[in-house]
Amino acid sequence: MVTLSLGSSGPEVRELQRRLEAVWAYHGRINGRFDEEVQEAVARYQSWRYVQDDPEGVYGPTTRRLLEENTPEV
């Protein structure tokens, strides 16, 4: 499982953006770039779900598992 963070890019980031959009945490462009706006959205989602295992704003294993569970249709 790949950890995504500020500066990451590519199709996995696009999927992350779509998933964050589906849970109303992200409202930016789906462009495959993990920028500050995506980082803030990840941190927002982590706050909502009380994620403490991954660094704030980093799409690590715990954040990924929870977000994928919440967005199976994406």
Protein backbone atom coordinates (compact mmCIF):
# COMPACT_ATOMS: atom_id res chain seq x y z
CA MET A 1 0.00 0.00 0.00
CA VAL A 2 1.51 3.30 -1.10
CA THR A 3 1.55 6.29 1.23
CA LEU A 4 0.69 9.56 -0.52
CA SER A 5 1.75 12.97 0.70
CA LEU A 6 2.49 16.51 -0.41
CA GLY A 7 4.23 16.36 -3.79
CA SER A 8 2.84 12.96 -4.84
CA SER A 9 1.13 12.76 -8.21
CA GLY A 10 -0.53 10.34 -10.56
CA PRO A 11 -3.61 8.13 -10.83
CA GLU A 12 -3.63 7.16 -7.14
CA VAL A 13 -3.86 10.83 -6.20
CA ARG A 14 -6.76 11.27 -8.66
CA GLU A 15 -8.53 8.38 -6.94
CA LEU A 16 -7.83 9.96 -3.55
CA GLN A 17 -9.25 13.28 -4.76
CA ARG A 18 -12.42 11.55 -6.00
CA ARG A 19 -12.84 9.72 -2.70
CA LEU A 20 -12.31 12.89 -0.66
CA GLU A 21 -14.81 14.68 -2.90
CA ALA A 22 -17.35 11.89 -2.30
CA VAL A 23 -17.18 12.49 1.47
CA TRP A 24 -17.32 16.29 1.08
CA ALA A 25 -13.76 16.84 2.32
CA TYR A 26 -12.31 18.08 -0.99
CA HIS A 27 -13.75 20.60 -3.43
CA GLY A 28 -10.81 21.20 -5.75
CA ARG A 29 -9.83 19.96 -9.19
CA ILE A 30 -9.32 16.26 -9.88
CA ASN A 31 -5.87 16.66 -11.38
CA GLY A 32 -3.70 13.96 -9.77
CA ARG A 33 -1.56 16.42 -7.81
CA PHE A 34 -1.23 16.13 -4.05
CA ASP A 35 -1.00 19.81 -3.24
CA GLU A 36 -1.78 21.83 -0.13
CA GLU A 37 -5.51 21.69 -0.82
CA VAL A 38 -5.45 17.88 -0.92
CA GLN A 39 -3.26 17.80 2.19
CA GLU A 40 -5.82 19.95 4.03
CA ALA A 41 -8.66 17.70 2.83
CA VAL A 42 -6.85 14.59 4.08
CA ALA A 43 -6.22 16.28 7.44
CA ARG A 44 -9.90 17.31 7.61
CA TYR A 45 -11.01 13.73 6.94
CA GLN A 46 -8.53 12.41 9.51
CA SER A 47 -9.97 14.83 12.06
CA TRP A 48 -13.53 13.72 11.30
CA ARG A 49 -12.56 10.04 11.70
CA TYR A 50 -10.14 10.55 14.62
CA VAL A 51 -7.20 9.02 12.72
CA GLN A 52 -4.07 9.10 14.83
CA ASP A 53 -1.98 6.35 13.22
CA ASP A 54 -0.98 8.40 10.14
CA PRO A 55 0.72 11.81 10.19
CA GLU A 56 -1.67 14.72 9.75
CA GLY A 57 -2.38 15.34 6.07
CA VAL A 58 -0.65 12.13 4.93
CA TYR A 59 -2.68 9.44 3.15
CA GLY A 60 -1.26 6.46 5.03
CA PRO A 61 -2.61 2.95 5.66
CA THR A 62 -5.20 3.80 8.32
CA THR A 63 -6.58 6.82 6.48
CA ARG A 64 -6.70 4.83 3.24
CA ARG A 65 -8.55 1.92 4.82
CA LEU A 66 -11.19 4.16 6.40
CA LEU A 67 -11.70 6.27 3.28
CA GLU A 68 -11.96 3.22 1.02
CA GLU A 69 -14.51 1.68 3.40
CA ASN A 70 -16.57 4.89 3.23
CA THR A 71 -16.37 5.25 -0.55
CA PRO A 72 -16.74 1.77 -2.10
CA GLU A 73 -18.48 3.17 -5.19
CA VAL A 74 -15.55 5.37 -6.30
